[in-house]
N, C-alpha and C. Protein backbone atom coordinates (compact mmCIF):
# COMPACT_ATOMS: atom_id res chain seq x y z
N UNK A 1 0.89 -1.02 0.08
CA UNK A 1 -0.19 0.12 -0.06
C UNK A 1 0.97 1.16 0.11
N UNK A 2 0.49 2.34 -0.85
CA UNK A 2 1.33 3.38 -0.93
C UNK A 2 0.76 4.63 -0.10
N UNK A 3 1.56 5.19 0.88
CA UNK A 3 1.14 6.14 1.66
C UNK A 3 1.90 7.41 1.48
N UNK A 4 1.11 8.57 1.72
CA UNK A 4 1.76 9.91 1.74
C UNK A 4 1.89 10.35 3.13
N UNK A 5 3.01 10.64 3.56
CA UNK A 5 3.30 11.00 5.08
C UNK A 5 3.58 12.63 5.12
N UNK A 6 2.83 13.38 5.62
CA UNK A 6 2.87 14.91 5.40
C UNK A 6 3.17 15.52 7.10
N UNK A 7 4.45 15.68 7.25
CA UNK A 7 4.76 15.94 8.71
C UNK A 7 6.20 16.70 8.52
N UNK A 8 6.09 17.93 9.32
CA UNK A 8 7.18 18.91 9.32
C UNK A 8 8.18 18.67 10.53
N UNK A 9 7.94 17.85 11.34
CA UNK A 9 8.76 17.62 12.54
C UNK A 9 9.87 16.60 11.78
N UNK A 10 10.88 16.82 11.59
CA UNK A 10 11.95 15.91 11.11
C UNK A 10 12.32 14.69 11.96
N UNK A 11 12.21 14.85 13.29
CA UNK A 11 12.58 13.62 14.24
C UNK A 11 11.33 12.69 13.89
N UNK A 12 10.07 13.28 14.08
CA UNK A 12 8.92 12.35 14.01
C UNK A 12 8.92 11.75 12.55
N UNK A 13 9.14 12.67 11.37
CA UNK A 13 9.09 12.24 10.24
C UNK A 13 10.06 10.90 9.98
N UNK A 14 11.43 10.90 10.49
CA UNK A 14 12.19 9.97 10.12
C UNK A 14 11.90 8.73 10.96
N UNK A 15 11.24 8.94 12.09
CA UNK A 15 10.86 7.71 12.84
C UNK A 15 9.73 7.04 12.33
N UNK A 16 8.65 7.74 11.83
CA UNK A 16 7.66 7.26 10.92
C UNK A 16 7.96 6.57 9.72
N UNK A 17 9.00 7.08 8.84
CA UNK A 17 9.34 6.61 7.77
C UNK A 17 9.86 5.23 7.89
N UNK A 18 10.84 5.12 9.12
CA UNK A 18 11.55 4.02 9.16
C UNK A 18 10.59 2.86 9.80
N UNK A 19 9.46 3.12 10.58
CA UNK A 19 8.50 2.21 11.10
C UNK A 19 7.53 1.65 10.07
N UNK A 20 7.19 2.57 9.27
CA UNK A 20 6.32 2.23 8.22
C UNK A 20 6.81 1.29 7.17
N UNK A 21 8.07 1.74 6.51
CA UNK A 21 8.87 1.03 5.55
C UNK A 21 9.12 -0.51 6.04
N UNK A 22 9.35 -0.38 7.47
CA UNK A 22 9.83 -1.76 7.90
C UNK A 22 8.48 -2.70 7.91
N UNK A 23 7.31 -2.12 8.10
CA UNK A 23 5.96 -2.82 7.86
C UNK A 23 5.64 -3.04 6.47
N UNK A 24 6.46 -2.77 5.51
CA UNK A 24 6.08 -3.02 4.03
C UNK A 24 5.27 -1.95 3.44
N UNK A 25 5.10 -0.72 3.93
CA UNK A 25 4.33 0.28 3.15
C UNK A 25 5.52 0.89 2.36
N UNK A 26 4.90 1.33 1.10
CA UNK A 26 5.55 2.21 0.30
C UNK A 26 5.40 3.77 0.70
N UNK A 27 6.23 4.41 1.22
CA UNK A 27 5.93 5.79 1.69
C UNK A 27 6.74 6.91 1.05
N UNK A 28 6.04 7.88 0.74
CA UNK A 28 6.41 9.05 0.19
C UNK A 28 6.31 10.33 1.24
N UNK A 29 7.16 10.95 1.49
CA UNK A 29 7.10 12.12 2.54
C UNK A 29 7.29 13.42 2.17
N UNK A 30 6.50 14.38 2.68
CA UNK A 30 6.80 15.80 2.28
C UNK A 30 6.74 16.53 3.57
N UNK A 31 7.17 17.89 3.70
CA UNK A 31 7.12 18.57 5.08
C UNK A 31 6.49 19.94 5.08
N UNK A 32 5.54 20.02 3.89
CA UNK A 32 4.79 21.36 3.99
C UNK A 32 3.53 21.00 3.02
N UNK A 33 2.61 21.95 3.02
CA UNK A 33 1.31 21.93 2.36
C UNK A 33 1.33 22.00 1.22
N UNK A 34 2.17 22.70 0.40
CA UNK A 34 2.37 22.92 -0.94
C UNK A 34 2.91 21.65 -1.71
N UNK A 35 3.86 21.10 -1.06
CA UNK A 35 4.28 19.89 -1.48
C UNK A 35 3.37 18.61 -1.46
N UNK A 36 2.48 18.82 -0.32
CA UNK A 36 1.63 17.89 -0.16
C UNK A 36 0.55 17.78 -1.06
N UNK A 37 0.11 18.95 -1.57
CA UNK A 37 -0.79 19.12 -2.69
C UNK A 37 -0.25 18.64 -4.13
N UNK A 38 1.06 19.01 -4.21
CA UNK A 38 1.63 18.44 -5.57
C UNK A 38 1.62 17.06 -5.64
N UNK A 39 2.03 16.40 -4.46
CA UNK A 39 2.10 14.95 -4.38
C UNK A 39 0.86 14.36 -4.62
N UNK A 40 -0.30 14.81 -4.17
CA UNK A 40 -1.73 14.25 -4.11
C UNK A 40 -2.18 14.46 -5.52
N UNK A 41 -1.81 15.48 -6.32
CA UNK A 41 -2.16 15.73 -7.61
C UNK A 41 -1.43 14.65 -8.62
N UNK A 42 -0.34 14.35 -8.12
CA UNK A 42 0.60 13.28 -9.06
C UNK A 42 0.36 11.77 -8.85
N UNK A 43 0.08 11.57 -7.61
CA UNK A 43 0.05 10.08 -7.33
C UNK A 43 -1.21 9.79 -6.55
N UNK A 44 -1.87 8.47 -7.11
CA UNK A 44 -3.18 7.99 -6.49
C UNK A 44 -2.74 7.28 -5.01
N UNK A 45 -2.53 7.89 -4.02
CA UNK A 45 -2.29 7.24 -2.79
C UNK A 45 -3.34 6.31 -2.22
N UNK A 46 -2.99 5.41 -1.50
CA UNK A 46 -3.95 4.39 -0.80
C UNK A 46 -4.44 5.11 0.60
N UNK A 47 -3.44 5.86 1.21
CA UNK A 47 -3.66 6.50 2.56
C UNK A 47 -2.72 7.56 2.67
N UNK A 48 -3.35 8.73 3.46
CA UNK A 48 -2.58 9.99 3.74
C UNK A 48 -2.49 10.09 5.28
N UNK A 49 -1.34 10.29 5.72
CA UNK A 49 -1.07 10.55 6.99
C UNK A 49 -0.69 12.16 7.12
N UNK A 50 -1.64 12.92 7.73
CA UNK A 50 -1.44 14.57 7.65
C UNK A 50 -1.39 15.14 8.86
N UNK A 51 -0.34 15.82 8.90
CA UNK A 51 -0.18 16.81 10.09
C UNK A 51 -0.94 17.92 9.86
N UNK A 52 -1.49 18.84 10.80
CA UNK A 52 -2.24 20.00 10.56
C UNK A 52 -1.29 21.20 10.45
N UNK A 53 -0.51 21.53 11.54
CA UNK A 53 0.37 22.76 11.53
C UNK A 53 1.53 22.66 10.78
N UNK A 54 1.19 22.80 9.42
CA UNK A 54 2.35 22.59 8.50
C UNK A 54 2.73 24.19 7.83
N UNK A 55 4.05 24.38 7.66
CA UNK A 55 4.42 25.63 7.17
C UNK A 55 3.81 25.99 5.76
N UNK A 56 3.38 27.10 5.50
CA UNK A 56 3.04 27.55 4.22
C UNK A 56 1.71 27.38 3.87
N UNK A 57 0.91 26.07 4.37
CA UNK A 57 -0.42 25.82 4.07
C UNK A 57 -0.74 24.99 5.09
N UNK A 58 -1.80 25.43 6.02
CA UNK A 58 -2.24 24.26 6.94
C UNK A 58 -2.81 23.03 6.47
N UNK A 59 -2.65 22.10 7.29
CA UNK A 59 -3.20 20.59 6.90
C UNK A 59 -4.76 20.71 6.66
N UNK A 60 -5.42 21.50 7.32
CA UNK A 60 -6.87 21.63 7.20
C UNK A 60 -7.27 21.95 5.66
N UNK A 61 -6.42 22.84 5.23
CA UNK A 61 -6.55 23.43 3.83
C UNK A 61 -6.23 22.39 2.75
N UNK A 62 -5.14 21.66 3.03
CA UNK A 62 -4.82 20.52 2.15
C UNK A 62 -5.95 19.37 2.13
N UNK A 63 -6.64 19.08 3.32
CA UNK A 63 -7.58 18.10 3.41
C UNK A 63 -8.86 18.70 2.51
N UNK A 64 -9.24 19.98 2.87
CA UNK A 64 -10.32 20.42 2.42
C UNK A 64 -10.11 20.53 0.74
N UNK A 65 -9.17 20.69 0.21
CA UNK A 65 -8.92 20.66 -1.22
C UNK A 65 -8.98 19.50 -1.78
N UNK A 66 -8.39 18.38 -1.20
CA UNK A 66 -8.49 17.21 -1.51
C UNK A 66 -9.87 16.56 -1.73
N UNK A 67 -10.68 16.78 -0.77
CA UNK A 67 -12.11 16.36 -0.76
C UNK A 67 -12.94 17.17 -1.91
N UNK A 68 -12.54 18.50 -1.99
CA UNK A 68 -13.43 19.26 -3.03
C UNK A 68 -13.08 18.86 -4.42
N UNK A 69 -11.85 18.01 -4.55
CA UNK A 69 -11.64 17.50 -5.89
C UNK A 69 -12.16 16.10 -6.09
N UNK A 70 -12.74 15.59 -5.09
CA UNK A 70 -13.40 14.36 -5.12
C UNK A 70 -12.66 13.19 -4.93
N UNK A 71 -11.45 13.43 -4.38
CA UNK A 71 -10.49 12.20 -3.97
C UNK A 71 -10.91 11.69 -2.68
N UNK A 72 -11.04 10.29 -2.56
CA UNK A 72 -11.61 9.80 -1.46
C UNK A 72 -10.72 8.66 -0.73
N UNK A 73 -9.39 8.82 -1.02
CA UNK A 73 -8.62 8.04 -0.21
C UNK A 73 -8.62 8.12 1.30
N UNK A 74 -8.40 7.27 2.15
CA UNK A 74 -8.65 7.58 3.58
C UNK A 74 -7.52 8.60 4.04
N UNK A 75 -7.63 9.54 4.91
CA UNK A 75 -6.83 10.46 5.56
C UNK A 75 -6.97 10.33 7.11
N UNK A 76 -5.95 10.19 7.73
CA UNK A 76 -5.53 10.11 9.13
C UNK A 76 -4.89 11.46 9.57
N UNK A 77 -5.50 12.25 10.26
CA UNK A 77 -4.99 13.41 10.97
C UNK A 77 -4.10 13.02 12.08
N UNK A 78 -2.72 13.63 12.17
CA UNK A 78 -1.98 13.52 13.14
C UNK A 78 -1.44 14.95 13.70
N UNK A 79 -1.89 15.39 14.90
CA UNK A 79 -1.73 16.65 15.33
C UNK A 79 -1.39 16.74 16.72
N UNK A 80 -0.97 17.92 17.18
CA UNK A 80 -1.01 18.35 18.68
C UNK A 80 -2.12 19.07 19.10
N UNK A 81 -3.20 19.36 18.07
CA UNK A 81 -4.48 20.16 18.34
C UNK A 81 -5.37 19.03 18.99
N UNK A 82 -5.65 19.19 20.24
CA UNK A 82 -6.48 18.17 20.95
C UNK A 82 -7.69 18.61 21.33
N UNK A 83 -8.20 19.83 21.02
CA UNK A 83 -9.47 20.36 21.53
C UNK A 83 -10.59 19.56 20.80
N UNK A 84 -11.64 19.42 21.43
CA UNK A 84 -12.86 18.70 20.81
C UNK A 84 -13.17 19.53 19.65
N UNK A 85 -13.18 20.68 19.62
CA UNK A 85 -13.80 21.61 18.46
C UNK A 85 -12.71 21.09 17.23
N UNK A 86 -11.37 21.02 17.60
CA UNK A 86 -10.46 20.83 16.44
C UNK A 86 -10.77 19.35 15.82
N UNK A 87 -11.10 18.49 16.74
CA UNK A 87 -11.38 17.09 16.27
C UNK A 87 -12.58 17.13 15.43
N UNK A 88 -13.60 17.71 15.92
CA UNK A 88 -14.77 17.70 15.28
C UNK A 88 -14.80 18.24 13.79
N UNK A 89 -13.80 19.52 13.90
CA UNK A 89 -13.73 20.16 12.58
C UNK A 89 -13.09 19.36 11.58
N UNK A 90 -11.87 18.72 11.93
CA UNK A 90 -10.89 17.70 11.26
C UNK A 90 -11.75 16.73 10.63
N UNK A 91 -12.62 16.14 11.41
CA UNK A 91 -13.56 14.99 10.80
C UNK A 91 -14.60 15.46 9.92
N UNK A 92 -15.22 16.66 10.16
CA UNK A 92 -16.09 17.26 9.38
C UNK A 92 -15.81 17.66 7.97
N UNK A 93 -14.41 18.00 7.92
CA UNK A 93 -14.03 18.47 6.60
C UNK A 93 -13.63 17.40 5.76
N UNK A 94 -13.29 16.01 6.45
CA UNK A 94 -13.27 14.80 5.60
C UNK A 94 -11.98 14.04 5.90
N UNK A 95 -11.55 14.04 7.33
CA UNK A 95 -10.68 13.07 7.75
C UNK A 95 -11.38 11.90 8.06
N UNK A 96 -10.78 10.73 8.10
CA UNK A 96 -11.26 9.45 8.48
C UNK A 96 -11.11 9.13 9.73
N UNK A 97 -9.91 9.70 10.41
CA UNK A 97 -9.60 9.42 11.78
C UNK A 97 -8.75 10.44 12.21
N UNK A 98 -8.67 10.81 13.53
CA UNK A 98 -7.78 11.89 14.17
C UNK A 98 -6.95 11.46 15.29
N UNK A 99 -5.77 11.61 15.18
CA UNK A 99 -4.92 11.00 16.31
C UNK A 99 -4.07 12.09 16.89
N UNK A 100 -4.18 12.17 18.09
CA UNK A 100 -3.44 13.50 18.94
C UNK A 100 -2.04 12.94 19.26
N UNK A 101 -1.09 13.91 18.95
CA UNK A 101 0.41 13.71 19.46
C UNK A 101 0.35 14.04 20.80
N UNK A 102 1.36 13.36 21.58
CA UNK A 102 2.23 12.15 21.03
C UNK A 102 1.42 10.94 21.09
N UNK A 103 1.66 9.96 20.14
CA UNK A 103 0.76 8.78 20.14
C UNK A 103 1.78 7.53 19.92
N UNK A 104 1.34 6.32 20.39
CA UNK A 104 1.99 5.22 20.28
C UNK A 104 2.04 4.65 18.66
N UNK A 105 3.19 4.31 18.10
CA UNK A 105 3.29 4.06 16.65
C UNK A 105 2.23 2.72 16.42
N UNK A 106 2.19 1.88 17.42
CA UNK A 106 1.34 0.77 17.25
C UNK A 106 -0.22 1.25 17.12
N UNK A 107 -0.57 2.36 17.83
CA UNK A 107 -1.86 2.73 17.57
C UNK A 107 -2.16 3.24 16.01
N UNK A 108 -1.12 3.84 15.83
CA UNK A 108 -1.15 4.52 14.29
C UNK A 108 -1.34 3.61 13.43
N UNK A 109 -0.35 2.41 13.61
CA UNK A 109 -0.58 1.32 12.64
C UNK A 109 -1.84 0.64 12.64
N UNK A 110 -2.43 0.42 13.82
CA UNK A 110 -3.66 -0.16 13.80
C UNK A 110 -4.88 0.57 13.25
N UNK A 111 -4.68 1.92 13.35
CA UNK A 111 -5.70 2.82 12.81
C UNK A 111 -5.48 2.80 11.07
N UNK A 112 -4.19 2.77 10.61
CA UNK A 112 -3.97 2.67 9.33
C UNK A 112 -4.58 1.38 8.80
N UNK A 113 -4.40 0.30 9.68
CA UNK A 113 -4.82 -1.23 9.09
C UNK A 113 -6.38 -1.08 8.87
N UNK A 114 -6.92 -0.56 9.90
CA UNK A 114 -8.60 -0.28 10.01
C UNK A 114 -8.94 0.53 8.57
N UNK A 115 -8.37 1.59 8.39
CA UNK A 115 -8.72 2.43 7.51
C UNK A 115 -8.53 1.76 6.08
N UNK A 116 -7.52 1.10 5.85
CA UNK A 116 -7.19 0.40 4.55
C UNK A 116 -8.17 -0.79 4.48
N UNK A 117 -8.35 -1.52 5.59
CA UNK A 117 -9.34 -2.59 5.52
C UNK A 117 -10.58 -2.29 4.93
N UNK A 118 -11.07 -1.27 5.38
CA UNK A 118 -12.46 -0.55 5.04
C UNK A 118 -12.37 -0.17 3.52
N UNK A 119 -11.27 0.62 3.14
CA UNK A 119 -11.42 1.02 1.75
C UNK A 119 -11.06 0.11 0.72
N UNK A 120 -10.21 -1.06 1.05
CA UNK A 120 -9.47 -1.82 0.14
C UNK A 120 -10.20 -3.24 0.26
N UNK A 121 -10.54 -3.58 1.54
CA UNK A 121 -10.87 -5.13 1.62
C UNK A 121 -12.42 -5.29 2.23
N UNK A 122 -12.93 -4.32 2.13
CA UNK A 122 -14.50 -4.32 2.56
C UNK A 122 -14.55 -4.84 4.16
N UNK A 123 -13.74 -4.42 4.79
CA UNK A 123 -13.40 -5.00 6.22
C UNK A 123 -13.34 -6.29 6.46
N UNK A 124 -12.97 -6.98 5.45
CA UNK A 124 -12.52 -8.55 5.86
C UNK A 124 -11.14 -8.69 6.37
N UNK A 125 -11.08 -9.58 7.21
CA UNK A 125 -9.57 -9.78 7.88
C UNK A 125 -8.79 -10.76 7.01
N UNK A 126 -9.50 -11.45 6.34
CA UNK A 126 -8.74 -12.59 5.38
C UNK A 126 -9.56 -12.53 4.08
N UNK A 127 -8.58 -12.32 2.92
CA UNK A 127 -8.93 -12.48 1.49
C UNK A 127 -8.36 -13.80 1.12
N UNK A 128 -9.34 -14.70 0.34
CA UNK A 128 -8.78 -16.02 -0.09
C UNK A 128 -9.04 -15.87 -1.65
N UNK A 129 -8.14 -16.52 -2.12
CA UNK A 129 -8.09 -17.08 -3.56
C UNK A 129 -7.39 -18.20 -3.77
N UNK A 130 -8.30 -19.20 -3.92
CA UNK A 130 -7.78 -20.72 -4.09
C UNK A 130 -7.17 -20.88 -2.76
N UNK A 131 -5.84 -21.43 -2.94
CA UNK A 131 -5.27 -21.83 -1.38
C UNK A 131 -4.54 -20.75 -0.89
N UNK A 132 -4.49 -19.60 -1.52
CA UNK A 132 -3.80 -18.46 -0.93
C UNK A 132 -4.82 -17.60 0.03
N UNK A 133 -4.18 -17.20 1.01
CA UNK A 133 -4.93 -16.45 2.03
C UNK A 133 -4.04 -15.22 2.34
N UNK A 134 -4.64 -13.94 2.21
CA UNK A 134 -4.07 -12.67 2.60
C UNK A 134 -4.47 -12.26 3.92
N UNK A 135 -3.84 -12.16 4.96
CA UNK A 135 -4.27 -11.48 6.26
C UNK A 135 -4.23 -9.90 6.01
N UNK A 136 -5.26 -9.23 6.17
CA UNK A 136 -5.20 -7.89 5.83
C UNK A 136 -4.70 -7.15 7.07
N UNK A 137 -4.45 -7.60 8.24
CA UNK A 137 -3.70 -7.06 9.38
C UNK A 137 -2.38 -7.14 9.34
N UNK A 138 -1.83 -8.41 9.14
CA UNK A 138 -0.60 -8.67 9.18
C UNK A 138 0.21 -8.33 7.82
N UNK A 139 -0.63 -8.47 6.64
CA UNK A 139 -0.13 -8.25 5.40
C UNK A 139 0.68 -9.69 4.89
N UNK A 140 0.55 -10.84 5.68
CA UNK A 140 1.25 -11.91 5.09
C UNK A 140 0.27 -12.67 4.18
N UNK A 141 0.75 -13.30 3.21
CA UNK A 141 0.24 -14.20 2.38
C UNK A 141 0.49 -15.52 2.63
N UNK A 142 -0.38 -16.38 2.91
CA UNK A 142 -0.15 -17.68 3.37
C UNK A 142 -0.63 -18.74 2.31
N UNK A 143 0.12 -19.83 2.09
CA UNK A 143 -0.20 -20.90 1.34
C UNK A 143 -0.28 -22.29 2.26
N UNK A 144 -1.49 -22.75 2.72
CA UNK A 144 -1.64 -23.80 3.54
C UNK A 144 -0.97 -23.52 4.91
N UNK A 145 -1.12 -22.54 5.53
CA UNK A 145 -0.63 -21.96 6.82
C UNK A 145 0.76 -21.64 6.77
N UNK A 146 1.52 -21.71 5.47
CA UNK A 146 2.81 -21.26 5.56
C UNK A 146 2.97 -19.97 4.57
N UNK A 147 3.78 -19.11 5.15
CA UNK A 147 3.96 -17.97 4.48
C UNK A 147 4.82 -18.10 3.30
N UNK A 148 4.21 -17.48 2.01
CA UNK A 148 4.87 -17.71 0.80
C UNK A 148 6.32 -16.79 0.77
N UNK A 149 7.22 -17.46 0.25
CA UNK A 149 8.55 -16.78 0.11
C UNK A 149 8.51 -15.54 -1.14
N UNK A 150 8.09 -14.49 -0.84
CA UNK A 150 8.10 -13.46 -1.86
C UNK A 150 8.85 -12.25 -1.48
N UNK A 151 9.45 -11.52 -2.42
CA UNK A 151 10.28 -10.35 -2.14
C UNK A 151 9.10 -9.10 -2.01
N UNK A 152 9.51 -8.03 -1.38
CA UNK A 152 8.52 -6.90 -1.04
C UNK A 152 7.84 -6.36 -2.19
N UNK A 153 8.44 -6.31 -3.47
CA UNK A 153 7.70 -5.77 -4.69
C UNK A 153 6.73 -6.88 -5.35
N UNK A 154 7.26 -8.31 -5.20
CA UNK A 154 6.43 -9.36 -5.54
C UNK A 154 5.06 -9.33 -4.61
N UNK A 155 5.41 -9.06 -3.35
CA UNK A 155 4.17 -8.98 -2.32
C UNK A 155 3.09 -7.80 -2.85
N UNK A 156 3.74 -6.59 -3.12
CA UNK A 156 2.89 -5.56 -3.52
C UNK A 156 2.00 -5.97 -4.65
N UNK A 157 2.72 -6.61 -5.68
CA UNK A 157 1.85 -7.06 -6.81
C UNK A 157 0.67 -8.09 -6.57
N UNK A 158 1.19 -9.08 -5.82
CA UNK A 158 0.12 -10.09 -5.38
C UNK A 158 -1.01 -9.44 -4.50
N UNK A 159 -0.57 -8.71 -3.77
CA UNK A 159 -1.63 -7.92 -2.82
C UNK A 159 -2.67 -7.34 -3.76
N UNK A 160 -2.10 -6.59 -4.71
CA UNK A 160 -3.10 -5.54 -5.46
C UNK A 160 -4.00 -6.47 -6.29
N UNK A 161 -3.48 -7.59 -6.93
CA UNK A 161 -4.24 -8.56 -7.64
C UNK A 161 -5.25 -9.18 -6.79
N UNK A 162 -4.87 -9.51 -5.63
CA UNK A 162 -5.89 -10.13 -4.62
C UNK A 162 -6.93 -9.17 -4.30
N UNK A 163 -6.45 -8.01 -4.16
CA UNK A 163 -7.58 -6.90 -3.77
C UNK A 163 -8.56 -6.68 -4.68
N UNK A 164 -8.27 -7.07 -6.16
CA UNK A 164 -9.11 -6.72 -7.00
C UNK A 164 -10.14 -7.85 -7.25
N UNK A 165 -9.60 -9.07 -6.65
CA UNK A 165 -10.50 -10.05 -6.63
C UNK A 165 -11.07 -10.76 -8.03
N UNK A 166 -9.91 -10.89 -8.89
CA UNK A 166 -10.17 -11.43 -10.23
C UNK A 166 -10.39 -10.54 -11.21
N UNK A 167 -10.54 -9.06 -11.10
CA UNK A 167 -10.58 -8.06 -11.89
C UNK A 167 -9.24 -7.58 -12.52
N UNK A 168 -9.19 -7.07 -13.67
CA UNK A 168 -7.92 -6.63 -14.29
C UNK A 168 -7.51 -5.49 -13.48
N UNK A 169 -6.14 -5.60 -13.28
CA UNK A 169 -5.21 -4.54 -12.82
C UNK A 169 -4.14 -4.09 -13.83
N UNK A 170 -4.31 -2.89 -14.18
CA UNK A 170 -3.57 -2.22 -15.25
C UNK A 170 -1.95 -2.31 -15.05
N UNK A 171 -1.23 -2.41 -15.95
CA UNK A 171 0.16 -2.13 -15.76
C UNK A 171 0.66 -0.80 -15.11
N UNK A 172 -0.25 0.26 -15.52
CA UNK A 172 0.12 1.44 -14.85
C UNK A 172 -0.22 1.68 -13.32
N UNK A 173 -1.41 0.95 -13.04
CA UNK A 173 -1.53 0.88 -11.49
C UNK A 173 -0.60 0.12 -10.65
N UNK A 174 0.04 -1.14 -11.33
CA UNK A 174 1.05 -1.68 -10.67
C UNK A 174 2.28 -0.85 -10.76
N UNK A 175 2.69 -0.11 -11.68
CA UNK A 175 3.98 0.81 -11.83
C UNK A 175 3.71 1.83 -10.59
N UNK A 176 2.46 2.53 -10.40
CA UNK A 176 2.34 3.48 -9.50
C UNK A 176 2.62 2.95 -8.08
N UNK A 177 2.09 1.71 -7.80
CA UNK A 177 2.38 1.06 -6.55
C UNK A 177 3.85 0.81 -6.33
N UNK A 178 4.64 0.63 -7.39
CA UNK A 178 6.11 0.07 -7.02
C UNK A 178 7.03 1.29 -7.18
N UNK A 179 6.42 2.51 -7.77
CA UNK A 179 7.29 3.69 -7.79
C UNK A 179 7.32 4.46 -6.47
N UNK A 180 8.16 5.34 -6.54
CA UNK A 180 8.09 6.26 -5.47
C UNK A 180 7.91 7.76 -6.10
N UNK A 181 7.74 8.65 -5.28
CA UNK A 181 7.42 9.98 -5.83
C UNK A 181 8.55 10.68 -6.97
N UNK A 182 9.66 10.25 -6.58
CA UNK A 182 10.83 10.73 -7.16
C UNK A 182 11.11 9.85 -8.63
N UNK A 183 11.07 8.73 -8.39
CA UNK A 183 11.49 7.69 -9.51
C UNK A 183 10.36 6.83 -9.94
N UNK A 184 9.86 6.75 -11.12
CA UNK A 184 8.81 5.87 -11.48
C UNK A 184 9.25 4.45 -12.02
N UNK A 185 8.55 3.68 -11.68
CA UNK A 185 8.82 2.33 -12.12
C UNK A 185 8.64 2.15 -13.66
N UNK A 186 8.99 1.06 -14.33
CA UNK A 186 8.82 0.94 -15.63
C UNK A 186 8.01 -0.25 -16.00
N UNK A 187 7.29 -0.47 -17.24
CA UNK A 187 6.53 -1.67 -17.65
C UNK A 187 7.50 -2.80 -17.71
N UNK A 188 8.62 -2.63 -18.04
CA UNK A 188 9.73 -3.87 -18.15
C UNK A 188 9.88 -4.39 -16.60
N UNK A 189 9.99 -3.61 -15.60
CA UNK A 189 10.22 -3.94 -14.36
C UNK A 189 8.96 -4.71 -13.72
N UNK A 190 7.71 -4.34 -14.24
CA UNK A 190 6.49 -4.99 -13.95
C UNK A 190 6.48 -6.32 -14.68
N UNK A 191 6.86 -6.30 -15.87
CA UNK A 191 6.81 -7.80 -16.52
C UNK A 191 7.73 -8.71 -15.95
N UNK A 192 8.91 -8.19 -15.44
CA UNK A 192 9.90 -9.12 -14.85
C UNK A 192 9.37 -9.69 -13.46
N UNK A 193 8.72 -8.89 -12.67
CA UNK A 193 8.13 -9.26 -11.48
C UNK A 193 7.06 -10.17 -11.56
N UNK A 194 6.17 -10.01 -12.55
CA UNK A 194 5.07 -10.88 -12.73
C UNK A 194 5.48 -12.16 -13.15
N UNK A 195 6.50 -12.12 -14.17
CA UNK A 195 7.25 -13.60 -14.50
C UNK A 195 7.63 -14.22 -13.37
N UNK A 196 8.43 -13.66 -12.45
CA UNK A 196 8.96 -14.44 -11.24
C UNK A 196 7.91 -14.76 -10.39
N UNK A 197 6.85 -14.01 -10.20
CA UNK A 197 5.77 -14.34 -9.34
C UNK A 197 4.97 -15.32 -9.92
N UNK A 198 4.78 -15.33 -11.03
CA UNK A 198 3.90 -16.71 -11.82
C UNK A 198 4.75 -18.04 -11.46
N UNK A 199 5.97 -18.04 -11.35
CA UNK A 199 6.76 -19.24 -11.18
C UNK A 199 6.36 -19.71 -9.63
N UNK A 200 6.54 -18.55 -8.69
CA UNK A 200 6.20 -19.05 -7.37
C UNK A 200 4.81 -19.35 -6.91
N UNK A 201 3.83 -18.99 -7.87
CA UNK A 201 2.51 -19.48 -7.56
C UNK A 201 2.07 -20.66 -8.29
N UNK A 202 3.05 -21.34 -9.06
CA UNK A 202 2.63 -22.45 -9.66
C UNK A 202 2.14 -23.54 -8.94
N UNK A 203 2.49 -23.72 -7.64
CA UNK A 203 2.16 -25.09 -6.81
C UNK A 203 0.71 -24.47 -6.05
N UNK A 204 0.22 -23.30 -6.18
CA UNK A 204 -0.73 -22.75 -5.43
C UNK A 204 -2.13 -23.01 -5.96
N UNK A 205 -2.15 -23.37 -7.41
CA UNK A 205 -3.63 -23.34 -7.89
C UNK A 205 -4.02 -22.06 -8.37
N UNK A 206 -3.29 -20.97 -8.34
CA UNK A 206 -3.67 -19.69 -8.61
C UNK A 206 -2.74 -19.22 -9.72
N UNK A 207 -2.97 -18.34 -10.73
CA UNK A 207 -2.21 -18.03 -11.81
C UNK A 207 -2.60 -16.47 -12.14
N UNK A 208 -1.63 -15.79 -12.84
CA UNK A 208 -1.65 -14.46 -13.09
C UNK A 208 -1.95 -14.62 -14.68
N UNK A 209 -3.15 -14.31 -15.14
CA UNK A 209 -3.28 -14.25 -16.65
C UNK A 209 -2.78 -12.75 -17.02
N UNK A 210 -2.55 -12.67 -18.32
CA UNK A 210 -2.33 -11.57 -19.00
C UNK A 210 -3.53 -11.13 -19.95
N UNK A 211 -4.04 -9.98 -19.60
CA UNK A 211 -5.12 -9.43 -20.58
C UNK A 211 -4.69 -8.30 -21.53
N UNK A 212 -4.33 -8.73 -22.68
CA UNK A 212 -3.59 -7.86 -23.68
C UNK A 212 -4.25 -6.54 -23.89
N UNK A 213 -3.30 -5.57 -23.85
CA UNK A 213 -3.72 -4.30 -23.76
C UNK A 213 -4.27 -3.63 -22.56
N UNK A 214 -4.51 -4.50 -21.60
CA UNK A 214 -5.05 -3.82 -20.24
C UNK A 214 -4.20 -4.16 -19.14
N UNK A 215 -3.82 -5.23 -19.01
CA UNK A 215 -2.92 -5.79 -17.56
C UNK A 215 -2.98 -7.17 -17.31
N UNK A 216 -3.22 -7.28 -15.97
CA UNK A 216 -3.17 -8.72 -15.39
C UNK A 216 -4.52 -8.87 -14.62
N UNK A 217 -4.77 -10.29 -14.26
CA UNK A 217 -5.81 -10.46 -13.23
C UNK A 217 -5.32 -11.90 -12.68
N UNK A 218 -5.85 -12.22 -11.59
CA UNK A 218 -5.67 -13.29 -10.73
C UNK A 218 -6.76 -14.16 -10.96
N UNK A 219 -6.29 -15.57 -11.30
CA UNK A 219 -7.35 -16.61 -11.53
C UNK A 219 -7.15 -17.88 -10.82
N UNK A 220 -8.15 -18.77 -10.51
CA UNK A 220 -7.76 -20.21 -10.10
C UNK A 220 -7.62 -21.00 -11.27
N UNK A 221 -6.50 -21.62 -11.38
CA UNK A 221 -6.30 -22.49 -12.31
C UNK A 221 -7.29 -23.66 -12.67
N UNK A 222 -7.75 -24.07 -13.68
CA UNK A 222 -8.79 -25.08 -13.99
C UNK A 222 -8.36 -26.37 -13.30
């Protein structure tokens, strides 16, 4: 899952980047509201972690503009503003959750999982395809109770294919998940990863089909 982290405190930013990347998230980070707006216009993020007290442009303006453009990805506000009126205002202008600093990183991760589970997995804890099971809390993909041996990028592709439940996922969508804000992935890189992933899925009863001119979809083998 691709996350935009908007935080101007460099110490907290570094700690969150380290923790979230360790958990397998693809994370882009910016430190002001103007750069946040630019990133949100460029990349289709799965989740936004948004501070409010940002230099140049307040986080509430970033959020209000995001919702006015019809973008519906989940947004979790992280802020030192702990007043009831602040929380009500943040939720009323479109935040999905509101977390007051200082907070425990485990609580943030739990709230992220809940937001993503609702937006991507219809609140399901386990997604099944053939003999594959994706646990939406841990992010682990299991085959007969054993974790598949996948690289982080292979995991990103398989999770996205499982999330679509047999629907076609375009190469562009996969490239966006594998890229970062600075450097975009290539179609060739996606094709190589899909080729490797197909070999690892051979014993699972699940295959990746190519839909020419569109992308890929996950199917159970006959």
